[in-house]
Amino acid sequence: MSLPDSWRLAVGTLTRIPVKPPETIDRPTAGLAMALAPLTAVPAAGGVALLVWLSQEGHLAPLAMGLVAVGFLAWLSRLLHLDGLSDTVDGLTASTDRARSLEVMRSGTAGPAGVVALVVVIGIQAVSLAALTTHDLGPLLAAACVVTSRSALAVACVRGVPAARPDGLGATVAGTVHPVTALLVFLATAGLVWVAALLPGFDLGGLLAPALALVALAGVLVVARRRLGGVTGDVLGACVEVTLVVLLLCVA
């Protein structure tokens, strides 16, 4: 296992930031890459925080800012997570047959179910970010939610969760993260949300946000395992987007 290789794998896979390709990609390297995923979101989190602050200062209309922020997140991640959400929803609604669902997900085209999922998720994220402009620590809360959403990758790749197919990103990273590592990554990032939400005073939504996001994430994984046999790269993207939307909805 090589830390530089894991870091390059995480950054090169999850962002559009150019990095040198990893020299070795084995399961330990892939597991560490998924554990490092929240750190790769720091530039995205900083950009979103800046946009929320600009809106607080009156330079951007809140709802317009929310849409721009969601677009920025999508651009910096090469639309990887939103594409995964769309493909996963299309696959799950296309058929009850596992092979057919995986075939639809692999096709990469967006069907009606996937489009509706994108509209709903993007809309909730944008409106929630707009609502954070009224919070004293809105920029910090927004940034914390973005970083915490990426910890979903460590949880989704925990040992015991299989890959749905023998090839692709899911097969590379599925089951590579030790449960203790996944828990520590999630708690460390969730702590950012708790600090930002509770510093100004008691905030029930902020307190419950990480727990509810974890429940939603677990729900996605249960459905994926039951319907698809495990996770794919698309399912991992869906996990990130579902986690982010629940976090933002709660703190907003």
Protein backbone atom coordinates (compact mmCIF):
# COMPACT_ATOMS: atom_id res chain seq x y z
CA MET A 1 0.00 0.00 0.00
CA SER A 2 1.34 3.42 -1.00
CA LEU A 3 -0.03 6.68 0.39
CA PRO A 4 1.01 8.68 -2.71
CA ASP A 5 -0.67 6.11 -4.98
CA SER A 6 -3.83 6.16 -2.85
CA TRP A 7 -3.91 9.95 -2.91
CA ARG A 8 -3.43 10.05 -6.69
CA LEU A 9 -6.15 7.44 -7.16
CA ALA A 10 -8.58 9.38 -4.96
CA VAL A 11 -7.90 12.77 -6.55
CA GLY A 12 -7.74 11.46 -10.10
CA THR A 13 -10.96 9.47 -9.74
CA LEU A 14 -13.09 11.86 -7.71
CA THR A 15 -12.04 15.27 -9.08
CA ARG A 16 -10.94 16.90 -12.31
CA ILE A 17 -7.70 18.06 -10.68
CA PRO A 18 -4.86 16.67 -12.83
CA VAL A 19 -2.51 14.32 -10.99
CA LYS A 20 0.08 11.75 -11.94
CA PRO A 21 -1.51 8.29 -12.36
CA PRO A 22 -0.86 5.88 -9.48
CA GLU A 23 1.91 3.39 -10.11
CA THR A 24 0.10 0.55 -8.35
CA ILE A 25 -3.62 -0.01 -7.79
CA ASP A 26 -4.25 -2.90 -5.43
CA ARG A 27 -6.99 -3.42 -2.86
CA PRO A 28 -5.12 -1.80 0.07
CA THR A 29 -4.35 1.21 -2.12
CA ALA A 30 -7.98 1.43 -3.23
CA GLY A 31 -9.23 1.16 0.36
CA LEU A 32 -7.00 4.00 1.52
CA ALA A 33 -8.10 6.07 -1.48
CA MET A 34 -11.74 5.74 -0.40
CA ALA A 35 -10.79 6.69 3.16
CA LEU A 36 -9.06 9.79 1.80
CA ALA A 37 -12.08 10.79 -0.29
CA PRO A 38 -13.25 13.56 2.10
CA LEU A 39 -9.89 15.32 1.75
CA THR A 40 -10.28 15.45 -2.03
CA ALA A 41 -13.48 17.45 -1.48
CA VAL A 42 -11.72 20.29 0.35
CA PRO A 43 -11.33 22.47 -2.79
CA ALA A 44 -14.99 21.92 -3.66
CA ALA A 45 -16.04 22.67 -0.09
CA GLY A 46 -13.99 25.87 -0.10
CA GLY A 47 -15.61 27.02 -3.33
CA VAL A 48 -19.11 26.36 -2.01
CA ALA A 49 -18.32 28.16 1.24
CA LEU A 50 -17.11 31.17 -0.74
CA LEU A 51 -20.31 31.24 -2.79
CA VAL A 52 -22.51 31.07 0.33
CA TRP A 53 -20.50 33.92 1.88
CA LEU A 54 -20.83 36.04 -1.28
CA SER A 55 -24.58 35.51 -1.14
CA GLN A 56 -24.64 36.51 2.53
CA GLU A 57 -22.84 39.71 1.55
CA GLY A 58 -25.48 40.46 -1.06
CA HIS A 59 -23.39 39.74 -4.15
CA LEU A 60 -25.48 36.77 -5.31
CA ALA A 61 -29.17 35.99 -4.99
CA PRO A 62 -29.48 33.01 -2.62
CA LEU A 63 -31.28 30.64 -5.00
CA ALA A 64 -29.03 31.57 -7.91
CA MET A 65 -26.06 30.96 -5.63
CA GLY A 66 -27.42 27.53 -4.69
CA LEU A 67 -27.69 26.50 -8.31
CA VAL A 68 -24.23 27.84 -9.11
CA ALA A 69 -22.80 25.97 -6.12
CA VAL A 70 -24.38 22.68 -7.18
CA GLY A 71 -23.08 23.27 -10.70
CA PHE A 72 -19.61 23.94 -9.32
CA LEU A 73 -19.67 20.71 -7.32
CA ALA A 74 -20.77 18.79 -10.41
CA TRP A 75 -18.08 20.39 -12.57
CA LEU A 76 -15.25 19.74 -10.11
CA SER A 77 -16.27 16.08 -9.76
CA ARG A 78 -16.68 15.68 -13.54
CA LEU A 79 -20.39 14.98 -12.85
CA LEU A 80 -19.26 11.58 -11.57
CA HIS A 81 -21.63 11.40 -8.60
CA LEU A 82 -24.68 12.87 -10.33
CA ASP A 83 -24.16 10.52 -13.26
CA GLY A 84 -24.00 7.62 -10.80
CA LEU A 85 -27.23 8.73 -9.15
CA SER A 86 -29.02 8.94 -12.48
CA ASP A 87 -27.77 5.56 -13.71
CA THR A 88 -28.56 3.86 -10.40
CA VAL A 89 -32.14 5.12 -10.28
CA ASP A 90 -32.66 4.18 -13.93
CA GLY A 91 -31.30 0.70 -13.30
CA LEU A 92 -33.39 0.10 -10.20
CA THR A 93 -36.60 1.24 -11.90
CA ALA A 94 -35.98 -0.42 -15.28
CA SER A 95 -36.44 -3.99 -14.13
CA THR A 96 -36.58 -6.33 -11.16
CA ASP A 97 -34.07 -8.55 -12.94
CA ARG A 98 -30.52 -8.01 -11.66
CA ALA A 99 -28.81 -8.53 -15.01
CA ARG A 100 -31.18 -6.18 -16.80
CA SER A 101 -30.75 -3.48 -14.15
CA LEU A 102 -26.95 -3.68 -14.41
CA GLU A 103 -27.19 -3.54 -18.20
CA VAL A 104 -29.26 -0.35 -18.03
CA MET A 105 -26.80 1.20 -15.58
CA ARG A 106 -23.88 0.37 -17.83
CA SER A 107 -25.52 1.98 -20.89
CA GLY A 108 -24.93 5.47 -19.47
CA THR A 109 -28.06 7.03 -20.98
CA ALA A 110 -30.41 8.99 -18.72
CA GLY A 111 -33.98 7.73 -18.61
CA PRO A 112 -37.06 9.43 -17.14
CA ALA A 113 -36.49 8.08 -13.62
CA GLY A 114 -32.88 9.22 -13.61
CA VAL A 115 -33.81 12.69 -14.86
CA VAL A 116 -36.47 13.09 -12.17
CA ALA A 117 -33.98 11.99 -9.52
CA LEU A 118 -31.47 14.57 -10.75
CA VAL A 119 -34.04 17.38 -10.76
CA VAL A 120 -35.21 16.55 -7.24
CA VAL A 121 -31.72 16.15 -5.77
CA ILE A 122 -30.24 19.21 -7.49
CA GLY A 123 -33.28 21.25 -6.49
CA ILE A 124 -33.13 20.25 -2.83
CA GLN A 125 -29.39 20.88 -2.67
CA ALA A 126 -29.69 24.31 -4.29
CA VAL A 127 -32.60 25.42 -2.08
CA SER A 128 -30.90 24.13 1.05
CA LEU A 129 -27.68 25.99 0.23
CA ALA A 130 -29.75 29.12 -0.34
CA ALA A 131 -31.33 28.66 3.10
CA LEU A 132 -27.88 28.47 4.71
CA THR A 133 -27.29 32.13 3.83
CA THR A 134 -29.45 33.00 6.84
CA HIS A 135 -27.24 30.98 9.20
CA ASP A 136 -24.33 32.77 10.91
CA LEU A 137 -21.99 29.92 10.06
CA GLY A 138 -23.68 29.06 6.76
CA PRO A 139 -20.46 28.93 4.73
CA LEU A 140 -18.83 26.58 7.25
CA LEU A 141 -21.92 24.39 7.42
CA ALA A 142 -22.06 24.12 3.63
CA ALA A 143 -18.39 23.18 3.45
CA ALA A 144 -18.76 20.63 6.24
CA CYS A 145 -21.67 18.94 4.45
CA VAL A 146 -19.69 18.66 1.22
CA VAL A 147 -16.70 17.08 2.96
CA THR A 148 -18.88 14.74 5.04
CA SER A 149 -20.79 13.55 1.97
CA ARG A 150 -17.56 12.09 0.59
CA SER A 151 -17.14 9.92 3.67
CA ALA A 152 -20.04 7.93 2.19
CA LEU A 153 -17.46 6.31 -0.10
CA ALA A 154 -15.53 4.84 2.83
CA VAL A 155 -18.75 3.52 4.37
CA ALA A 156 -20.03 2.11 1.07
CA CYS A 157 -16.72 0.30 0.47
CA VAL A 158 -16.60 -1.29 3.92
CA ARG A 159 -15.72 -4.96 4.17
CA GLY A 160 -18.76 -7.15 3.71
CA VAL A 161 -20.34 -5.06 0.95
CA PRO A 162 -19.60 -6.91 -2.31
CA ALA A 163 -19.23 -5.64 -5.85
CA ALA A 164 -22.23 -6.12 -8.11
CA ARG A 165 -20.07 -7.05 -11.09
CA PRO A 166 -16.51 -8.35 -11.49
CA ASP A 167 -15.24 -5.31 -13.38
CA GLY A 168 -15.35 -1.54 -13.12
CA LEU A 169 -14.70 0.90 -10.29
CA GLY A 170 -17.00 -0.94 -7.91
CA ALA A 171 -15.01 -4.15 -8.23
CA THR A 172 -11.78 -2.26 -7.55
CA VAL A 173 -12.88 -0.60 -4.31
CA ALA A 174 -15.73 -2.74 -2.92
CA GLY A 175 -14.96 -4.28 0.45
CA THR A 176 -11.56 -2.59 0.75
CA VAL A 177 -12.18 -0.39 3.82
CA HIS A 178 -11.90 -1.76 7.35
CA PRO A 179 -15.09 -1.10 9.39
CA VAL A 180 -13.16 0.81 12.06
CA THR A 181 -11.57 3.02 9.40
CA ALA A 182 -14.95 3.72 7.80
CA LEU A 183 -16.43 4.63 11.19
CA LEU A 184 -13.55 6.93 12.07
CA VAL A 185 -13.70 8.69 8.70
CA PHE A 186 -17.43 9.25 9.04
CA LEU A 187 -17.25 10.46 12.64
CA ALA A 188 -14.34 12.79 11.89
CA THR A 189 -16.20 14.47 9.04
CA ALA A 190 -19.53 14.44 10.90
CA GLY A 191 -17.75 16.31 13.66
CA LEU A 192 -17.30 19.22 11.25
CA VAL A 193 -21.07 19.39 10.78
CA TRP A 194 -21.72 19.20 14.51
CA VAL A 195 -19.24 21.97 15.28
CA ALA A 196 -20.59 24.29 12.59
CA ALA A 197 -24.21 23.60 13.55
CA LEU A 198 -23.88 23.79 17.32
CA LEU A 199 -21.38 26.62 17.85
CA PRO A 200 -24.02 29.38 17.52
CA GLY A 201 -26.40 27.45 19.79
CA PHE A 202 -28.38 24.21 19.94
CA ASP A 203 -29.54 23.10 16.50
CA LEU A 204 -31.52 19.86 16.38
CA GLY A 205 -31.28 19.59 12.59
CA GLY A 206 -27.52 19.95 12.68
CA LEU A 207 -27.24 17.46 15.52
CA LEU A 208 -29.26 14.81 13.70
CA ALA A 209 -27.97 15.49 10.19
CA PRO A 210 -25.04 13.00 10.13
CA ALA A 211 -27.10 10.24 11.74
CA LEU A 212 -29.98 10.67 9.28
CA ALA A 213 -27.54 10.83 6.38
CA LEU A 214 -25.98 7.56 7.56
CA VAL A 215 -29.43 5.94 7.72
CA ALA A 216 -30.17 7.09 4.16
CA LEU A 217 -26.79 5.81 3.00
CA ALA A 218 -27.42 2.45 4.64
CA GLY A 219 -30.77 2.30 2.85
CA VAL A 220 -29.10 2.81 -0.52
CA LEU A 221 -26.60 0.05 0.24
CA VAL A 222 -29.31 -2.38 1.38
CA VAL A 223 -31.30 -1.80 -1.81
CA ALA A 224 -28.18 -2.10 -3.97
CA ARG A 225 -27.18 -5.37 -2.36
CA ARG A 226 -30.67 -6.85 -2.57
CA ARG A 227 -31.45 -5.71 -6.11
CA LEU A 228 -28.02 -5.60 -7.76
CA GLY A 229 -25.92 -7.95 -5.66
CA GLY A 230 -23.65 -5.20 -4.37
CA VAL A 231 -22.15 -1.86 -5.33
CA THR A 232 -20.92 -0.43 -8.62
CA GLY A 233 -19.23 2.85 -9.40
CA ASP A 234 -22.68 4.27 -10.14
CA VAL A 235 -24.01 3.15 -6.76
CA LEU A 236 -21.06 4.83 -5.05
CA GLY A 237 -21.93 8.08 -6.81
CA ALA A 238 -25.53 7.74 -5.70
CA CYS A 239 -24.35 7.21 -2.12
CA VAL A 240 -22.47 10.52 -2.20
CA GLU A 241 -25.41 12.48 -3.62
CA VAL A 242 -27.98 10.95 -1.24
CA THR A 243 -25.72 11.65 1.73
CA LEU A 244 -25.19 15.25 0.64
CA VAL A 245 -28.86 15.96 0.03
CA VAL A 246 -29.87 14.60 3.47
CA LEU A 247 -27.10 16.57 5.21
CA LEU A 248 -28.05 19.83 3.51
CA LEU A 249 -31.78 19.29 4.02
CA CYS A 250 -31.25 18.73 7.74
CA VAL A 251 -28.92 21.64 8.42
CA ALA A 252 -31.01 24.03 6.33
